[in-house]
PDB file of N, CA and C in Angstrom:
ATOM      1  N   UNK A   1       0.840  -1.184   0.000  1.00  0.00           N
ATOM      2  CA  UNK A   1       0.000   0.000   0.000  1.00  0.00           C
ATOM      3  C   UNK A   1       0.881   1.243   0.000  1.00  0.00           C
ATOM      4  N   UNK A   2       0.473   2.254  -0.729  1.00  0.00           N
ATOM      5  CA  UNK A   2       1.219   3.509  -0.808  1.00  0.00           C
ATOM      6  C   UNK A   2       0.950   4.327   0.452  1.00  0.00           C
ATOM      7  N   UNK A   3       2.017   4.791   1.085  1.00  0.00           N
ATOM      8  CA  UNK A   3       1.859   5.635   2.269  1.00  0.00           C
ATOM      9  C   UNK A   3       1.674   7.081   1.813  1.00  0.00           C
ATOM     10  N   UNK A   4       0.648   7.712   2.326  1.00  0.00           N
ATOM     11  CA  UNK A   4       0.350   9.083   1.931  1.00  0.00           C
ATOM     12  C   UNK A   4       1.251  10.073   2.650  1.00  0.00           C
ATOM     13  N   UNK A   5       1.607  11.141   1.950  1.00  0.00           N
ATOM     14  CA  UNK A   5       2.327  12.246   2.574  1.00  0.00           C
ATOM     15  C   UNK A   5       1.349  12.959   3.496  1.00  0.00           C
ATOM     16  N   UNK A   6       1.847  13.639   4.525  1.00  0.00           N
ATOM     17  CA  UNK A   6       0.945  14.320   5.465  1.00  0.00           C
ATOM     18  C   UNK A   6      -0.058  15.258   4.773  1.00  0.00           C
ATOM     19  N   UNK A   7       0.379  15.982   3.739  1.00  0.00           N
ATOM     20  CA  UNK A   7      -0.542  16.900   3.056  1.00  0.00           C
ATOM     21  C   UNK A   7      -1.673  16.117   2.388  1.00  0.00           C
ATOM     22  N   UNK A   8      -1.353  14.964   1.814  1.00  0.00           N
ATOM     23  CA  UNK A   8      -2.377  14.141   1.165  1.00  0.00           C
ATOM     24  C   UNK A   8      -3.400  13.652   2.179  1.00  0.00           C
ATOM     25  N   UNK A   9      -2.923  13.252   3.342  1.00  0.00           N
ATOM     26  CA  UNK A   9      -3.805  12.757   4.391  1.00  0.00           C
ATOM     27  C   UNK A   9      -4.745  13.861   4.868  1.00  0.00           C
ATOM     28  N   UNK A  10      -4.209  15.052   5.070  1.00  0.00           N
ATOM     29  CA  UNK A  10      -5.027  16.185   5.526  1.00  0.00           C
ATOM     30  C   UNK A  10      -6.042  16.565   4.456  1.00  0.00           C
ATOM     31  N   UNK A  11      -5.604  16.668   3.213  1.00  0.00           N
ATOM     32  CA  UNK A  11      -6.525  17.039   2.130  1.00  0.00           C
ATOM     33  C   UNK A  11      -7.624  15.990   1.949  1.00  0.00           C
ATOM     34  N   UNK A  12      -7.252  14.734   2.024  1.00  0.00           N
ATOM     35  CA  UNK A  12      -8.246  13.663   1.889  1.00  0.00           C
ATOM     36  C   UNK A  12      -9.256  13.735   3.033  1.00  0.00           C
ATOM     37  N   UNK A  13      -8.769  13.997   4.252  1.00  0.00           N
ATOM     38  CA  UNK A  13      -9.669  14.077   5.405  1.00  0.00           C
ATOM     39  C   UNK A  13     -10.638  15.243   5.272  1.00  0.00           C
ATOM     40  N   UNK A  14     -10.172  16.356   4.723  1.00  0.00           N
ATOM     41  CA  UNK A  14     -11.021  17.550   4.622  1.00  0.00           C
ATOM     42  C   UNK A  14     -11.805  17.623   3.313  1.00  0.00           C
ATOM     43  N   UNK A  15     -11.608  16.669   2.429  1.00  0.00           N
ATOM     44  CA  UNK A  15     -12.297  16.693   1.132  1.00  0.00           C
ATOM     45  C   UNK A  15     -13.795  16.424   1.260  1.00  0.00           C
ATOM     46  N   UNK A  16     -14.182  15.669   2.258  1.00  0.00           N
ATOM     47  CA  UNK A  16     -15.587  15.311   2.436  1.00  0.00           C
ATOM     48  C   UNK A  16     -16.325  16.452   3.147  1.00  0.00           C
ATOM     49  N   UNK A  17     -17.418  16.966   2.563  1.00  0.00           N
ATOM     50  CA  UNK A  17     -18.133  18.091   3.175  1.00  0.00           C
ATOM     51  C   UNK A  17     -18.707  17.793   4.559  1.00  0.00           C
ATOM     52  N   UNK A  18     -19.188  16.568   4.757  1.00  0.00           N
ATOM     53  CA  UNK A  18     -19.713  16.207   6.083  1.00  0.00           C
ATOM     54  C   UNK A  18     -18.586  16.175   7.103  1.00  0.00           C
ATOM     55  N   UNK A  19     -17.451  15.643   6.695  1.00  0.00           N
ATOM     56  CA  UNK A  19     -16.300  15.581   7.603  1.00  0.00           C
ATOM     57  C   UNK A  19     -15.812  16.990   7.943  1.00  0.00           C
ATOM     58  N   UNK A  20     -15.814  17.885   6.944  1.00  0.00           N
ATOM     59  CA  UNK A  20     -15.425  19.279   7.223  1.00  0.00           C
ATOM     60  C   UNK A  20     -16.381  19.905   8.216  1.00  0.00           C
ATOM     61  N   UNK A  21     -17.674  19.605   8.093  1.00  0.00           N
ATOM     62  CA  UNK A  21     -18.668  20.149   9.031  1.00  0.00           C
ATOM     63  C   UNK A  21     -18.420  19.616  10.440  1.00  0.00           C
ATOM     64  N   UNK A  22     -18.094  18.334  10.544  1.00  0.00           N
ATOM     65  CA  UNK A  22     -17.769  17.749  11.852  1.00  0.00           C
ATOM     66  C   UNK A  22     -16.533  18.448  12.412  1.00  0.00           C
ATOM     67  N   UNK A  23     -15.516  18.617  11.582  1.00  0.00           N
ATOM     68  CA  UNK A  23     -14.277  19.267  12.024  1.00  0.00           C
ATOM     69  C   UNK A  23     -14.545  20.702  12.490  1.00  0.00           C
ATOM     70  N   UNK A  24     -15.371  21.423  11.762  1.00  0.00           N
ATOM     71  CA  UNK A  24     -15.690  22.798  12.148  1.00  0.00           C
ATOM     72  C   UNK A  24     -16.406  22.849  13.496  1.00  0.00           C
ATOM     73  N   UNK A  25     -17.285  21.870  13.742  1.00  0.00           N
ATOM     74  CA  UNK A  25     -17.967  21.821  15.045  1.00  0.00           C
ATOM     75  C   UNK A  25     -16.988  21.501  16.163  1.00  0.00           C
ATOM     76  N   UNK A  26     -16.048  20.607  15.888  1.00  0.00           N
ATOM     77  CA  UNK A  26     -15.027  20.298  16.889  1.00  0.00           C
ATOM     78  C   UNK A  26     -14.163  21.541  17.133  1.00  0.00           C
ATOM     79  N   UNK A  27     -13.796  22.225  16.064  1.00  0.00           N
ATOM     80  CA  UNK A  27     -12.965  23.432  16.184  1.00  0.00           C
ATOM     81  C   UNK A  27     -13.657  24.516  17.016  1.00  0.00           C
ATOM     82  N   UNK A  28     -14.968  24.597  16.901  1.00  0.00           N
ATOM     83  CA  UNK A  28     -15.691  25.665  17.604  1.00  0.00           C
ATOM     84  C   UNK A  28     -16.010  25.308  19.056  1.00  0.00           C
ATOM     85  N   UNK A  29     -15.620  24.107  19.475  1.00  0.00           N
ATOM     86  CA  UNK A  29     -15.853  23.657  20.852  1.00  0.00           C
ATOM     87  C   UNK A  29     -14.514  23.438  21.546  1.00  0.00           C
ATOM     88  N   UNK A  30     -14.511  23.631  22.844  1.00  0.00           N
ATOM     89  CA  UNK A  30     -13.296  23.297  23.585  1.00  0.00           C
ATOM     90  C   UNK A  30     -13.084  21.787  23.536  1.00  0.00           C
ATOM     91  N   UNK A  31     -14.138  21.041  23.870  1.00  0.00           N
ATOM     92  CA  UNK A  31     -14.177  19.587  23.744  1.00  0.00           C
ATOM     93  C   UNK A  31     -15.626  19.210  23.478  1.00  0.00           C
ATOM     94  N   UNK A  32     -15.800  18.117  22.737  1.00  0.00           N
ATOM     95  CA  UNK A  32     -17.160  17.706  22.382  1.00  0.00           C
ATOM     96  C   UNK A  32     -17.201  16.186  22.221  1.00  0.00           C
ATOM     97  N   UNK A  33     -18.355  15.604  22.511  1.00  0.00           N
ATOM     98  CA  UNK A  33     -18.531  14.152  22.382  1.00  0.00           C
ATOM     99  C   UNK A  33     -19.203  13.824  21.054  1.00  0.00           C
ATOM    100  N   UNK A  34     -19.145  12.551  20.690  1.00  0.00           N
ATOM    101  CA  UNK A  34     -19.814  12.079  19.477  1.00  0.00           C
ATOM    102  C   UNK A  34     -21.316  12.347  19.577  1.00  0.00           C
ATOM    103  N   UNK A  35     -21.879  12.116  20.756  1.00  0.00           N
ATOM    104  CA  UNK A  35     -23.312  12.335  20.956  1.00  0.00           C
ATOM    105  C   UNK A  35     -23.679  13.783  20.658  1.00  0.00           C
ATOM    106  N   UNK A  36     -22.900  14.711  21.164  1.00  0.00           N
ATOM    107  CA  UNK A  36     -23.166  16.129  20.914  1.00  0.00           C
ATOM    108  C   UNK A  36     -22.992  16.477  19.442  1.00  0.00           C
ATOM    109  N   UNK A  37     -21.993  15.883  18.803  1.00  0.00           N
ATOM    110  CA  UNK A  37     -21.771  16.142  17.380  1.00  0.00           C
ATOM    111  C   UNK A  37     -22.908  15.587  16.530  1.00  0.00           C
ATOM    112  N   UNK A  38     -23.505  14.490  16.977  1.00  0.00           N
ATOM    113  CA  UNK A  38     -24.580  13.851  16.223  1.00  0.00           C
ATOM    114  C   UNK A  38     -25.873  14.654  16.293  1.00  0.00           C
ATOM    115  N   UNK A  39     -26.134  15.248  17.455  1.00  0.00           N
ATOM    116  CA  UNK A  39     -27.386  15.997  17.656  1.00  0.00           C
ATOM    117  C   UNK A  39     -27.531  17.111  16.622  1.00  0.00           C
ATOM    118  N   UNK A  40     -28.637  17.066  15.900  1.00  0.00           N
ATOM    119  CA  UNK A  40     -28.955  18.106  14.924  1.00  0.00           C
ATOM    120  C   UNK A  40     -28.119  18.070  13.658  1.00  0.00           C
ATOM    121  N   UNK A  41     -27.293  17.032  13.502  1.00  0.00           N
ATOM    122  CA  UNK A  41     -26.420  16.996  12.318  1.00  0.00           C
ATOM    123  C   UNK A  41     -27.062  16.300  11.126  1.00  0.00           C
ATOM    124  N   UNK A  42     -28.073  15.463  11.386  1.00  0.00           N
ATOM    125  CA  UNK A  42     -28.676  14.703  10.303  1.00  0.00           C
ATOM    126  C   UNK A  42     -27.818  13.521   9.875  1.00  0.00           C
ATOM    127  N   UNK A  43     -26.797  13.209  10.666  1.00  0.00           N
ATOM    128  CA  UNK A  43     -25.879  12.102  10.376  1.00  0.00           C
ATOM    129  C   UNK A  43     -25.937  11.139  11.554  1.00  0.00           C
ATOM    130  N   UNK A  44     -25.821   9.854  11.272  1.00  0.00           N
ATOM    131  CA  UNK A  44     -25.887   8.865  12.350  1.00  0.00           C
ATOM    132  C   UNK A  44     -24.637   8.942  13.223  1.00  0.00           C
ATOM    133  N   UNK A  45     -24.783   8.421  14.440  1.00  0.00           N
ATOM    134  CA  UNK A  45     -23.655   8.415  15.366  1.00  0.00           C
ATOM    135  C   UNK A  45     -22.494   7.597  14.800  1.00  0.00           C
ATOM    136  N   UNK A  46     -22.815   6.497  14.141  1.00  0.00           N
ATOM    137  CA  UNK A  46     -21.772   5.670  13.522  1.00  0.00           C
ATOM    138  C   UNK A  46     -21.003   6.417  12.450  1.00  0.00           C
ATOM    139  N   UNK A  47     -21.731   7.185  11.645  1.00  0.00           N
ATOM    140  CA  UNK A  47     -21.079   7.960  10.586  1.00  0.00           C
ATOM    141  C   UNK A  47     -20.193   9.056  11.185  1.00  0.00           C
ATOM    142  N   UNK A  48     -20.681   9.727  12.234  1.00  0.00           N
ATOM    143  CA  UNK A  48     -19.880  10.760  12.898  1.00  0.00           C
ATOM    144  C   UNK A  48     -18.607  10.125  13.459  1.00  0.00           C
ATOM    145  N   UNK A  49     -18.738   8.953  14.056  1.00  0.00           N
ATOM    146  CA  UNK A  49     -17.564   8.255  14.604  1.00  0.00           C
ATOM    147  C   UNK A  49     -16.551   7.940  13.509  1.00  0.00           C
ATOM    148  N   UNK A  50     -17.027   7.515  12.348  1.00  0.00           N
ATOM    149  CA  UNK A  50     -16.125   7.221  11.236  1.00  0.00           C
ATOM    150  C   UNK A  50     -15.418   8.494  10.750  1.00  0.00           C
ATOM    151  N   UNK A  51     -16.156   9.592  10.681  1.00  0.00           N
ATOM    152  CA  UNK A  51     -15.544  10.863  10.275  1.00  0.00           C
ATOM    153  C   UNK A  51     -14.496  11.305  11.294  1.00  0.00           C
ATOM    154  N   UNK A  52     -14.801  11.132  12.570  1.00  0.00           N
ATOM    155  CA  UNK A  52     -13.837  11.483  13.616  1.00  0.00           C
ATOM    156  C   UNK A  52     -12.584  10.614  13.530  1.00  0.00           C
ATOM    157  N   UNK A  53     -12.758   9.348  13.190  1.00  0.00           N
ATOM    158  CA  UNK A  53     -11.606   8.455  13.036  1.00  0.00           C
ATOM    159  C   UNK A  53     -10.690   8.959  11.925  1.00  0.00           C
ATOM    160  N   UNK A  54     -11.278   9.342  10.796  1.00  0.00           N
ATOM    161  CA  UNK A  54     -10.479   9.864   9.684  1.00  0.00           C
ATOM    162  C   UNK A  54      -9.768  11.158  10.083  1.00  0.00           C
ATOM    163  N   UNK A  55     -10.464  12.015  10.817  1.00  0.00           N
ATOM    164  CA  UNK A  55      -9.853  13.264  11.273  1.00  0.00           C
ATOM    165  C   UNK A  55      -8.730  12.990  12.269  1.00  0.00           C
ATOM    166  N   UNK A  56      -8.930  12.006  13.123  1.00  0.00           N
ATOM    167  CA  UNK A  56      -7.893  11.638  14.107  1.00  0.00           C
ATOM    168  C   UNK A  56      -6.665  11.079  13.402  1.00  0.00           C
ATOM    169  N   UNK A  57      -6.874  10.192  12.432  1.00  0.00           N
ATOM    170  CA  UNK A  57      -5.754   9.602  11.691  1.00  0.00           C
ATOM    171  C   UNK A  57      -4.984  10.651  10.890  1.00  0.00           C
ATOM    172  N   UNK A  58      -5.669  11.723  10.505  1.00  0.00           N
ATOM    173  CA  UNK A  58      -5.022  12.821   9.776  1.00  0.00           C
ATOM    174  C   UNK A  58      -4.336  13.796  10.732  1.00  0.00           C
ATOM    175  N   UNK A  59      -4.506  13.577  12.035  1.00  0.00           N
ATOM    176  CA  UNK A  59      -3.883  14.460  13.017  1.00  0.00           C
ATOM    177  C   UNK A  59      -4.630  15.751  13.256  1.00  0.00           C
ATOM    178  N   UNK A  60      -5.909  15.776  12.877  1.00  0.00           N
ATOM    179  CA  UNK A  60      -6.696  17.008  12.994  1.00  0.00           C
ATOM    180  C   UNK A  60      -7.493  17.102  14.290  1.00  0.00           C
ATOM    181  N   UNK A  61      -7.746  15.963  14.924  1.00  0.00           N
ATOM    182  CA  UNK A  61      -8.436  15.962  16.218  1.00  0.00           C
ATOM    183  C   UNK A  61      -7.714  15.010  17.170  1.00  0.00           C
ATOM    184  N   UNK A  62      -7.912  15.252  18.452  1.00  0.00           N
ATOM    185  CA  UNK A  62      -7.355  14.417  19.512  1.00  0.00           C
ATOM    186  C   UNK A  62      -8.529  13.906  20.329  1.00  0.00           C
ATOM    187  N   UNK A  63      -8.462  12.658  20.723  1.00  0.00           N
ATOM    188  CA  UNK A  63      -9.536  12.094  21.551  1.00  0.00           C
ATOM    189  C   UNK A  63      -9.037  11.892  22.979  1.00  0.00           C
ATOM    190  N   UNK A  64      -9.999  12.043  23.921  1.00  0.00           N
ATOM    191  CA  UNK A  64      -9.693  11.832  25.344  1.00  0.00           C
ATOM    192  C   UNK A  64     -10.812  10.989  25.940  1.00  0.00           C
ATOM    193  N   UNK A  65     -10.536   9.690  26.158  1.00  0.00           N
ATOM    194  CA  UNK A  65     -11.556   8.833  26.763  1.00  0.00           C
ATOM    195  C   UNK A  65     -11.781   9.215  28.230  1.00  0.00           C
ATOM    196  N   UNK A  66     -13.044   9.173  28.623  1.00  0.00           N
ATOM    197  CA  UNK A  66     -13.414   9.423  30.020  1.00  0.00           C
ATOM    198  C   UNK A  66     -14.607   8.528  30.325  1.00  0.00           C
ATOM    199  N   UNK A  67     -14.339   7.413  30.968  1.00  0.00           N
ATOM    200  CA  UNK A  67     -15.410   6.451  31.223  1.00  0.00           C
ATOM    201  C   UNK A  67     -15.938   5.907  29.914  1.00  0.00           C
ATOM    202  N   UNK A  68     -17.253   5.983  29.746  1.00  0.00           N
ATOM    203  CA  UNK A  68     -17.881   5.487  28.515  1.00  0.00           C
ATOM    204  C   UNK A  68     -17.896   6.523  27.399  1.00  0.00           C
ATOM    205  N   UNK A  69     -17.498   7.725  27.715  1.00  0.00           N
ATOM    206  CA  UNK A  69     -17.500   8.799  26.710  1.00  0.00           C
ATOM    207  C   UNK A  69     -16.090   9.049  26.185  1.00  0.00           C
ATOM    208  N   UNK A  70     -16.057   9.539  24.972  1.00  0.00           N
ATOM    209  CA  UNK A  70     -14.793   9.988  24.391  1.00  0.00           C
ATOM    210  C   UNK A  70     -14.995  11.440  23.986  1.00  0.00           C
ATOM    211  N   UNK A  71     -14.112  12.274  24.468  1.00  0.00           N
ATOM    212  CA  UNK A  71     -14.155  13.704  24.166  1.00  0.00           C
ATOM    213  C   UNK A  71     -13.168  14.004  23.044  1.00  0.00           C
ATOM    214  N   UNK A  72     -13.574  14.883  22.140  1.00  0.00           N
ATOM    215  CA  UNK A  72     -12.727  15.258  21.010  1.00  0.00           C
ATOM    216  C   UNK A  72     -12.443  16.748  21.072  1.00  0.00           C
ATOM    217  N   UNK A  73     -11.207  17.082  20.722  1.00  0.00           N
ATOM    218  CA  UNK A  73     -10.847  18.498  20.598  1.00  0.00           C
ATOM    219  C   UNK A  73      -9.973  18.650  19.360  1.00  0.00           C
ATOM    220  N   UNK A  74      -9.948  19.838  18.834  1.00  0.00           N
ATOM    221  CA  UNK A  74      -9.184  20.106  17.618  1.00  0.00           C
ATOM    222  C   UNK A  74      -7.691  20.084  17.921  1.00  0.00           C
ATOM    223  N   UNK A  75      -6.932  19.686  16.930  1.00  0.00           N
ATOM    224  CA  UNK A  75      -5.470  19.718  16.983  1.00  0.00           C
ATOM    225  C   UNK A  75      -5.012  20.625  15.842  1.00  0.00           C
ATOM    226  N   UNK A  76      -5.016  21.946  16.082  1.00  0.00           N
ATOM    227  CA  UNK A  76      -4.694  22.893  15.004  1.00  0.00           C
ATOM    228  C   UNK A  76      -3.357  22.620  14.320  1.00  0.00           C
ATOM    229  N   UNK A  77      -2.399  22.036  15.050  1.00  0.00           N
ATOM    230  CA  UNK A  77      -1.103  21.737  14.446  1.00  0.00           C
ATOM    231  C   UNK A  77      -1.233  20.716  13.315  1.00  0.00           C
ATOM    232  N   UNK A  78      -2.348  19.999  13.277  1.00  0.00           N
ATOM    233  CA  UNK A  78      -2.594  19.044  12.200  1.00  0.00           C
ATOM    234  C   UNK A  78      -2.771  19.719  10.850  1.00  0.00           C
ATOM    235  N   UNK A  79      -3.091  21.020  10.864  1.00  0.00           N
ATOM    236  CA  UNK A  79      -3.241  21.766   9.618  1.00  0.00           C
ATOM    237  C   UNK A  79      -1.911  22.274   9.067  1.00  0.00           C
ATOM    238  N   UNK A  80      -0.817  22.064   9.803  1.00  0.00           N
ATOM    239  CA  UNK A  80       0.487  22.592   9.388  1.00  0.00           C
ATOM    240  C   UNK A  80       0.908  22.126   7.992  1.00  0.00           C
ATOM    241  N   UNK A  81       0.750  20.837   7.625  1.00  0.00           N
ATOM    242  CA  UNK A  81       1.135  20.450   6.258  1.00  0.00           C
ATOM    243  C   UNK A  81       0.377  21.241   5.197  1.00  0.00           C
ATOM    244  N   UNK A  82      -0.892  21.510   5.448  1.00  0.00           N
ATOM    245  CA  UNK A  82      -1.689  22.292   4.505  1.00  0.00           C
ATOM    246  C   UNK A  82      -1.208  23.742   4.468  1.00  0.00           C
ATOM    247  N   UNK A  83      -0.952  24.301   5.630  1.00  0.00           N
ATOM    248  CA  UNK A  83      -0.458  25.673   5.725  1.00  0.00           C
ATOM    249  C   UNK A  83       0.897  25.819   5.034  1.00  0.00           C
ATOM    250  N   UNK A  84       1.781  24.859   5.267  1.00  0.00           N
ATOM    251  CA  UNK A  84       3.105  24.891   4.634  1.00  0.00           C
ATOM    252  C   UNK A  84       2.983  24.827   3.115  1.00  0.00           C
ATOM    253  N   UNK A  85       2.113  23.950   2.643  1.00  0.00           N
ATOM    254  CA  UNK A  85       1.917  23.794   1.208  1.00  0.00           C
ATOM    255  C   UNK A  85       1.381  25.083   0.584  1.00  0.00           C
ATOM    256  N   UNK A  86       0.412  25.699   1.268  1.00  0.00           N
ATOM    257  CA  UNK A  86      -0.175  26.934   0.745  1.00  0.00           C
ATOM    258  C   UNK A  86       0.827  28.087   0.783  1.00  0.00           C
ATOM    259  N   UNK A  87       1.635  28.174   1.818  1.00  0.00           N
ATOM    260  CA  UNK A  87       2.594  29.282   1.888  1.00  0.00           C
ATOM    261  C   UNK A  87       3.694  29.113   0.838  1.00  0.00           C
ATOM    262  N   UNK A  88       3.976  27.876   0.440  1.00  0.00           N
ATOM    263  CA  UNK A  88       4.934  27.638  -0.645  1.00  0.00           C
ATOM    264  C   UNK A  88       4.448  28.334  -1.922  1.00  0.00           C
ATOM    265  N   UNK A  89       3.155  28.291  -2.164  1.00  0.00           N
ATOM    266  CA  UNK A  89       2.599  28.915  -3.361  1.00  0.00           C
ATOM    267  C   UNK A  89       2.275  30.388  -3.151  1.00  0.00           C
ATOM    268  N   UNK A  90       2.336  30.853  -1.918  1.00  0.00           N
ATOM    269  CA  UNK A  90       2.096  32.262  -1.637  1.00  0.00           C
ATOM    270  C   UNK A  90       3.065  33.150  -2.379  1.00  0.00           C
ATOM    271  N   UNK A  91       4.322  32.757  -2.462  1.00  0.00           N
ATOM    272  CA  UNK A  91       5.322  33.545  -3.186  1.00  0.00           C
ATOM    273  C   UNK A  91       4.939  33.643  -4.659  1.00  0.00           C
ATOM    274  N   UNK A  92       4.445  32.561  -5.227  1.00  0.00           N
ATOM    275  CA  UNK A  92       4.005  32.556  -6.625  1.00  0.00           C
ATOM    276  C   UNK A  92       2.914  33.595  -6.839  1.00  0.00           C
ATOM    277  N   UNK A  93       1.901  33.591  -5.962  1.00  0.00           N
ATOM    278  CA  UNK A  93       0.791  34.519  -6.132  1.00  0.00           C
ATOM    279  C   UNK A  93       1.202  35.959  -5.863  1.00  0.00           C
ATOM    280  N   UNK A  94       2.088  36.172  -4.909  1.00  0.00           N
ATOM    281  CA  UNK A  94       2.569  37.524  -4.637  1.00  0.00           C
ATOM    282  C   UNK A  94       3.251  38.092  -5.870  1.00  0.00           C
ATOM    283  N   UNK A  95       4.078  37.278  -6.516  1.00  0.00           N
ATOM    284  CA  UNK A  95       4.758  37.721  -7.740  1.00  0.00           C
ATOM    285  C   UNK A  95       3.746  37.998  -8.844  1.00  0.00           C
ATOM    286  N   UNK A  96       2.775  37.115  -8.996  1.00  0.00           N
ATOM    287  CA  UNK A  96       1.773  37.290 -10.053  1.00  0.00           C
ATOM    288  C   UNK A  96       0.931  38.551  -9.821  1.00  0.00           C
ATOM    289  N   UNK A  97       0.554  38.793  -8.567  1.00  0.00           N
ATOM    290  CA  UNK A  97      -0.217  40.003  -8.266  1.00  0.00           C
ATOM    291  C   UNK A  97       0.627  41.250  -8.527  1.00  0.00           C
ATOM    292  N   UNK A  98       1.915  41.166  -8.238  1.00  0.00           N
ATOM    293  CA  UNK A  98       2.815  42.285  -8.541  1.00  0.00           C
ATOM    294  C   UNK A  98       2.864  42.545 -10.034  1.00  0.00           C
ATOM    295  N   UNK A  99       2.955  41.472 -10.835  1.00  0.00           N
ATOM    296  CA  UNK A  99       2.952  41.618 -12.293  1.00  0.00           C
ATOM    297  C   UNK A  99       1.635  42.208 -12.785  1.00  0.00           C
ATOM    298  N   UNK A 100       0.531  41.768 -12.201  1.00  0.00           N
ATOM    299  CA  UNK A 100      -0.778  42.291 -12.580  1.00  0.00           C
ATOM    300  C   UNK A 100      -0.879  43.775 -12.245  1.00  0.00           C
ATOM    301  N   UNK A 101      -0.382  44.153 -11.081  1.00  0.00           N
ATOM    302  CA  UNK A 101      -0.401  45.555 -10.662  1.00  0.00           C
ATOM    303  C   UNK A 101       0.356  46.421 -11.684  1.00  0.00           C
ATOM    304  N   UNK A 102       1.533  45.952 -12.105  1.00  0.00           N
ATOM    305  CA  UNK A 102       2.333  46.691 -13.088  1.00  0.00           C
ATOM    306  C   UNK A 102       1.611  46.760 -14.428  1.00  0.00           C
ATOM    307  N   UNK A 103       0.991  45.670 -14.850  1.00  0.00           N
ATOM    308  CA  UNK A 103       0.251  45.654 -16.106  1.00  0.00           C
ATOM    309  C   UNK A 103      -0.905  46.645 -16.062  1.00  0.00           C
ATOM    310  N   UNK A 104      -1.628  46.686 -14.945  1.00  0.00           N
ATOM    311  CA  UNK A 104      -2.741  47.622 -14.820  1.00  0.00           C
ATOM    312  C   UNK A 104      -2.263  49.073 -14.813  1.00  0.00           C
ATOM    313  N   UNK A 105      -1.122  49.323 -14.199  1.00  0.00           N
ATOM    314  CA  UNK A 105      -0.544  50.682 -14.222  1.00  0.00           C
ATOM    315  C   UNK A 105      -0.193  51.078 -15.639  1.00  0.00           C
ATOM    316  N   UNK A 106       0.432  50.141 -16.384  1.00  0.00           N
ATOM    317  CA  UNK A 106       0.798  50.408 -17.769  1.00  0.00           C
ATOM    318  C   UNK A 106      -0.428  50.688 -18.630  1.00  0.00           C
ATOM    319  N   UNK A 107      -1.514  49.982 -18.370  1.00  0.00           N
ATOM    320  CA  UNK A 107      -2.750  50.168 -19.144  1.00  0.00           C
ATOM    321  C   UNK A 107      -3.384  51.526 -18.863  1.00  0.00           C
ATOM    322  N   UNK A 108      -3.182  52.045 -17.666  1.00  0.00           N
ATOM    323  CA  UNK A 108      -3.757  53.342 -17.300  1.00  0.00           C
ATOM    324  C   UNK A 108      -2.990  54.510 -17.917  1.00  0.00           C
ATOM    325  N   UNK A 109      -1.773  54.269 -18.343  1.00  0.00           N
ATOM    326  CA  UNK A 109      -0.951  55.365 -18.895  1.00  0.00           C
ATOM    327  C   UNK A 109      -1.350  55.720 -20.267  1.00  0.00           C
TER     328      UNK A 109
END
């Protein structure tokens, strides 16, 4: 089996819209349980658990068992591969915007 690079794992985890919604709810909470995430989501508890597993494997959430409950909290450092990848291309866009700015100035003359 091919081992995914960290950026691939993060992108794959966030590619699913339902999973992104689960992640956003976890991000907006200090800690939250599967039961709380399921309430009002329109998704079964089993499906939420599967989404949380994918997010955990991608390093985006951390779980903390407490008795029969498992609490989840966001792991913002899990987004670092995505942030690093995007900042690599930031220089490209900065240069392109600079070129566009010069082109627009030339057109105004």
